Amino acid sequence: MPEYRIVDAFTDRPLAGNPAAVLLLDEPYADAWAQGVAAEFNLAETAFARRVDGPEADYELRWFTPTVEIDLCGHATLATAHTLTELGVPGPYRFTTRSGILTVTADGDRMWLDFPANRAEKREVPDGLVEALGAPAVWTGEVGEFLLVELADEAAVRNLDPDIAGLAEQPHNIVIVTARGSATDMVSRVFGPRIGIPEDPVTGAAHTVLAPFWAERLGRVELTAHQASARGGDLELRLPADAPGRVLIGGTAVSVATGTLNL
């Protein structure tokens, strides 16, 4: 019977950050089984890591929301690397995923995720977006499944009370709202009702979009970020000069539960 671990990611204390379930598996598994397990946990993401033998990666890593498999997930990747560290598996950790090879390296108690950077292209404000958000957009852009929306200020982001059903009618799976921060370079919140996540507590993948956006605005390649959900979470971001098109996302994690699936 497989064991699991619940890890709070992008936080240094329990009951904050973004919780993910992590399963380390030895054998192949059915997609329907994985989706059912993710629905049972009912967390934003459940990570399934399976050992593989290959020149580029040591684990296959997949991420499931309660309703769908997704292409990229930062907090569940961090949670998986944290789990491997606690089990005494030496890093760096190399994962083969839907988004290519992803590497996680430990530096003290902080993990650094090496992810692809996603630069949003400016677009007109989509129909119905302002009504769904309940706040005017200063700037909007898109890249892949992400819609990036800049709001007037940090208070607008923190006080946002969107119409989740209205956001689900938008054509993008993930809506990121952001503004310049006070204590950090940027603040954000992330909504994904189309994929079963009304609001995600802390979203590593969203920061692959936020990092190049704010790096260009602020003229810096090292940034701090806070995701202003109810649980909240903190991240460090770097755009390495020797690896254009990549972003390093730094964060910590805390294990809060372990158990065995009776499946």
Protein backbone atom coordinates (compact mmCIF):
# COMPACT_ATOMS: atom_id res chain seq x y z
CA MET A 1 0.00 0.00 0.00
CA PRO A 2 1.50 3.36 -0.99
CA GLU A 3 2.54 5.89 1.61
CA TYR A 4 1.82 9.58 1.33
CA ARG A 5 3.02 12.80 2.89
CA ILE A 6 1.24 16.15 3.19
CA VAL A 7 3.65 19.06 2.84
CA ASP A 8 2.99 22.78 3.24
CA ALA A 9 5.08 24.48 0.55
CA PHE A 10 6.46 28.00 0.28
CA THR A 11 6.30 28.51 4.02
CA ASP A 12 8.49 27.91 7.07
CA ARG A 13 5.61 27.03 9.40
CA PRO A 14 2.77 24.49 9.41
CA LEU A 15 -0.76 25.43 8.34
CA ALA A 16 0.45 28.12 5.95
CA GLY A 17 1.70 28.13 2.37
CA ASN A 18 0.17 25.65 -0.07
CA PRO A 19 -0.47 22.03 0.99
CA ALA A 20 0.30 19.23 -1.45
CA ALA A 21 0.01 15.47 -1.13
CA VAL A 22 3.09 13.55 -2.30
CA LEU A 23 3.19 9.86 -3.24
CA LEU A 24 6.46 8.09 -4.10
CA LEU A 25 5.67 5.03 -6.19
CA ASP A 26 7.72 2.10 -7.47
CA GLU A 27 5.35 0.72 -10.08
CA PRO A 28 3.34 2.16 -12.99
CA TYR A 29 -0.20 3.24 -12.14
CA ALA A 30 -3.42 3.99 -13.98
CA ASP A 31 -4.34 7.57 -14.76
CA ALA A 32 -7.85 7.04 -13.42
CA TRP A 33 -6.43 5.77 -10.12
CA ALA A 34 -4.20 8.84 -9.76
CA GLN A 35 -7.09 11.18 -10.55
CA GLY A 36 -9.25 9.40 -8.00
CA VAL A 37 -6.57 9.71 -5.33
CA ALA A 38 -6.17 13.44 -6.09
CA ALA A 39 -9.93 13.92 -5.82
CA GLU A 40 -9.89 12.07 -2.49
CA PHE A 41 -7.19 14.35 -1.06
CA ASN A 42 -9.02 17.35 -2.54
CA LEU A 43 -5.95 19.57 -2.30
CA ALA A 44 -4.91 21.98 -5.03
CA GLU A 45 -2.42 19.35 -6.28
CA THR A 46 -1.33 15.82 -5.55
CA ALA A 47 2.12 14.83 -6.83
CA PHE A 48 2.96 11.33 -8.05
CA ALA A 49 6.69 10.62 -8.29
CA ARG A 50 7.91 7.32 -9.75
CA ARG A 51 11.55 6.25 -9.97
CA VAL A 52 12.88 5.95 -13.53
CA ASP A 53 16.24 5.02 -15.03
CA GLY A 54 17.42 7.57 -17.56
CA PRO A 55 20.32 9.88 -18.39
CA GLU A 56 18.41 13.10 -17.68
CA ALA A 57 15.97 12.33 -14.87
CA ASP A 58 15.68 10.14 -11.79
CA TYR A 59 11.91 10.46 -11.30
CA GLU A 60 8.81 10.84 -13.39
CA LEU A 61 6.68 13.54 -11.77
CA ARG A 62 3.00 14.20 -12.48
CA TRP A 63 0.55 16.61 -10.85
CA PHE A 64 -3.22 16.24 -10.50
CA THR A 65 -5.78 18.72 -9.23
CA PRO A 66 -9.04 17.25 -7.89
CA THR A 67 -10.38 17.27 -11.47
CA VAL A 68 -7.52 17.24 -14.05
CA GLU A 69 -3.84 16.53 -14.66
CA ILE A 70 -1.86 19.73 -15.19
CA ASP A 71 1.33 20.62 -17.07
CA LEU A 72 3.28 22.45 -14.38
CA CYS A 73 3.08 22.83 -10.60
CA GLY A 74 5.65 24.57 -8.44
CA HIS A 75 4.47 23.96 -4.91
CA ALA A 76 3.92 20.21 -5.42
CA THR A 77 7.39 19.95 -7.01
CA LEU A 78 8.86 21.70 -3.98
CA ALA A 79 6.85 19.36 -1.72
CA THR A 80 8.20 16.33 -3.59
CA ALA A 81 11.82 17.48 -3.28
CA HIS A 82 11.25 18.23 0.41
CA THR A 83 9.87 14.71 0.88
CA LEU A 84 12.90 13.15 -0.81
CA THR A 85 15.20 15.20 1.39
CA GLU A 86 13.42 14.07 4.56
CA LEU A 87 13.70 10.45 3.40
CA GLY A 88 17.47 10.86 3.00
CA VAL A 89 17.57 10.77 -0.79
CA PRO A 90 20.47 12.99 -1.92
CA GLY A 91 19.86 15.75 -4.44
CA PRO A 92 19.82 17.48 -6.78
CA TYR A 93 16.48 16.05 -7.87
CA ARG A 94 15.80 15.64 -11.58
CA PHE A 95 12.21 15.13 -12.71
CA THR A 96 10.83 14.32 -16.14
CA THR A 97 7.48 16.08 -16.50
CA ARG A 98 4.96 17.42 -19.00
CA SER A 99 7.02 20.62 -18.95
CA GLY A 100 10.33 18.93 -19.67
CA ILE A 101 13.16 18.18 -17.27
CA LEU A 102 12.85 20.10 -14.00
CA THR A 103 15.64 20.22 -11.42
CA VAL A 104 15.41 21.08 -7.72
CA THR A 105 18.55 21.88 -5.73
CA ALA A 106 18.85 22.35 -1.98
CA ASP A 107 20.72 25.33 -0.51
CA GLY A 108 20.52 25.07 3.26
CA ASP A 109 16.84 24.78 4.19
CA ARG A 110 15.75 26.45 0.94
CA MET A 111 14.95 24.60 -2.27
CA TRP A 112 15.50 26.15 -5.70
CA LEU A 113 13.25 25.04 -8.55
CA ASP A 114 14.66 25.45 -12.07
CA PHE A 115 11.58 26.12 -14.22
CA PRO A 116 10.87 27.54 -17.68
CA ALA A 117 10.11 31.28 -17.65
CA ASN A 118 6.85 32.32 -19.32
CA ARG A 119 6.66 35.85 -20.68
CA ALA A 120 3.12 37.22 -21.01
CA GLU A 121 2.24 39.19 -24.14
CA LYS A 122 0.01 42.23 -23.78
CA ARG A 123 -3.64 41.68 -24.73
CA GLU A 124 -6.85 43.65 -24.60
CA VAL A 125 -8.89 43.18 -21.43
CA PRO A 126 -11.09 40.10 -22.06
CA ASP A 127 -14.85 40.56 -22.10
CA GLY A 128 -16.36 40.03 -18.67
CA LEU A 129 -13.03 40.06 -16.80
CA VAL A 130 -13.49 43.35 -14.95
CA GLU A 131 -17.00 42.32 -13.89
CA ALA A 132 -15.74 38.93 -12.66
CA LEU A 133 -12.82 40.45 -10.75
CA GLY A 134 -14.76 43.39 -9.38
CA ALA A 135 -11.74 45.64 -10.03
CA PRO A 136 -10.34 47.47 -13.08
CA ALA A 137 -7.30 46.08 -14.84
CA VAL A 138 -4.24 48.29 -15.37
CA TRP A 139 -2.62 45.79 -17.77
CA THR A 140 -3.49 42.33 -19.08
CA GLY A 141 -1.40 39.75 -20.88
CA GLU A 142 -1.47 36.06 -21.66
CA VAL A 143 0.86 33.13 -22.13
CA GLY A 144 -0.45 29.59 -22.56
CA GLU A 145 -3.12 28.85 -19.98
CA PHE A 146 -2.23 31.91 -17.88
CA LEU A 147 -3.98 35.29 -17.90
CA LEU A 148 -1.90 37.93 -16.08
CA VAL A 149 -3.77 40.95 -14.72
CA GLU A 150 -2.04 43.92 -13.12
CA LEU A 151 -4.21 45.85 -10.66
CA ALA A 152 -3.77 49.41 -9.40
CA ASP A 153 -2.03 48.61 -6.12
CA GLU A 154 -1.39 46.05 -3.39
CA ALA A 155 -4.63 46.88 -1.57
CA ALA A 156 -6.63 46.08 -4.70
CA VAL A 157 -5.02 42.63 -4.84
CA ARG A 158 -5.46 41.87 -1.14
CA ASN A 159 -9.06 43.10 -1.00
CA LEU A 160 -10.20 41.40 -4.19
CA ASP A 161 -13.44 39.41 -3.80
CA PRO A 162 -13.99 38.00 -7.30
CA ASP A 163 -16.97 36.22 -8.78
CA ILE A 164 -15.45 32.73 -9.03
CA ALA A 165 -18.21 31.51 -11.35
CA GLY A 166 -17.52 34.48 -13.60
CA LEU A 167 -13.78 33.72 -13.65
CA ALA A 168 -14.59 30.14 -14.62
CA GLU A 169 -16.15 31.53 -17.80
CA GLN A 170 -12.89 33.20 -18.83
CA PRO A 171 -10.95 31.32 -21.55
CA HIS A 172 -7.81 30.87 -19.41
CA ASN A 173 -7.38 28.10 -16.86
CA ILE A 174 -5.38 30.29 -14.48
CA VAL A 175 -5.98 33.97 -13.71
CA ILE A 176 -3.12 35.76 -11.93
CA VAL A 177 -3.71 39.17 -10.37
CA THR A 178 -0.70 41.18 -9.24
CA ALA A 179 0.57 44.58 -8.14
CA ARG A 180 3.74 46.16 -6.81
CA GLY A 181 4.30 45.12 -3.21
CA SER A 182 5.33 47.07 -0.13
CA ALA A 183 7.25 44.50 1.95
CA THR A 184 8.08 42.45 -1.18
CA ASP A 185 8.68 43.38 -4.81
CA MET A 186 5.32 42.00 -5.86
CA VAL A 187 2.11 40.58 -4.47
CA SER A 188 -0.29 38.28 -6.25
CA ARG A 189 -3.32 36.03 -5.99
CA VAL A 190 -4.16 33.15 -8.30
CA PHE A 191 -7.53 31.70 -9.33
CA GLY A 192 -8.16 28.49 -11.28
CA PRO A 193 -11.85 27.54 -11.06
CA ARG A 194 -11.76 25.99 -14.54
CA ILE A 195 -9.39 23.28 -13.22
CA GLY A 196 -11.01 22.78 -9.82
CA ILE A 197 -9.05 25.39 -7.82
CA PRO A 198 -11.19 28.41 -6.85
CA GLU A 199 -8.14 30.14 -5.30
CA ASP A 200 -4.69 28.59 -5.05
CA PRO A 201 -2.87 29.46 -1.81
CA VAL A 202 0.67 29.74 -3.30
CA THR A 203 1.46 29.01 -6.93
CA GLY A 204 5.00 28.35 -8.13
CA ALA A 205 3.92 28.03 -11.76
CA ALA A 206 2.30 31.48 -11.69
CA HIS A 207 5.66 32.95 -10.72
CA THR A 208 7.17 31.68 -13.95
CA VAL A 209 4.96 34.41 -15.46
CA LEU A 210 5.33 36.98 -12.68
CA ALA A 211 9.15 36.83 -12.59
CA PRO A 212 9.85 38.08 -16.14
CA PHE A 213 6.98 40.59 -15.92
CA TRP A 214 8.26 42.28 -12.77
CA ALA A 215 11.94 41.89 -13.69
CA GLU A 216 11.26 44.03 -16.74
CA ARG A 217 9.20 46.55 -14.77
CA LEU A 218 11.72 46.89 -11.94
CA GLY A 219 14.95 46.42 -13.88
CA ARG A 220 16.21 43.63 -11.60
CA VAL A 221 16.69 39.89 -11.99
CA GLU A 222 16.45 38.97 -8.28
CA LEU A 223 13.02 39.52 -6.77
CA THR A 224 10.92 38.74 -3.71
CA ALA A 225 7.26 37.76 -3.91
CA HIS A 226 4.30 37.23 -1.61
CA GLN A 227 1.12 35.44 -2.61
CA ALA A 228 -1.61 37.13 -0.59
CA SER A 229 -4.07 34.28 -0.17
CA ALA A 230 -5.63 33.50 3.21
CA ARG A 231 -2.78 31.07 3.98
CA GLY A 232 -0.10 33.19 2.30
CA GLY A 233 3.32 32.23 1.05
CA ASP A 234 6.72 33.71 0.21
CA LEU A 235 9.04 33.07 -2.71
CA GLU A 236 12.39 34.26 -4.03
CA LEU A 237 12.89 34.58 -7.78
CA ARG A 238 16.00 34.76 -9.94
CA LEU A 239 16.37 35.05 -13.70
CA PRO A 240 19.83 33.55 -14.32
CA ALA A 241 21.95 35.35 -16.90
CA ASP A 242 23.59 32.09 -17.98
CA ALA A 243 20.24 30.36 -18.63
CA PRO A 244 17.92 32.64 -20.62
CA GLY A 245 14.34 31.45 -20.65
CA ARG A 246 14.59 29.93 -17.18
CA VAL A 247 13.56 31.12 -13.71
CA LEU A 248 14.80 29.90 -10.34
CA ILE A 249 12.08 29.81 -7.68
CA GLY A 250 13.23 29.53 -4.08
CA GLY A 251 11.18 28.44 -1.11
CA THR A 252 10.94 26.33 2.02
CA ALA A 253 8.48 23.63 3.07
CA VAL A 254 7.18 21.82 6.17
CA SER A 255 5.80 18.28 6.43
CA VAL A 256 2.55 18.13 8.40
CA ALA A 257 1.26 14.56 7.99
CA THR A 258 2.20 11.08 6.81
CA GLY A 259 0.07 8.02 6.21
CA THR A 260 -0.76 4.97 4.12
CA LEU A 261 -3.40 4.67 1.43
CA ASN A 262 -5.65 1.63 1.82
CA LEU A 263 -5.89 1.28 -1.96
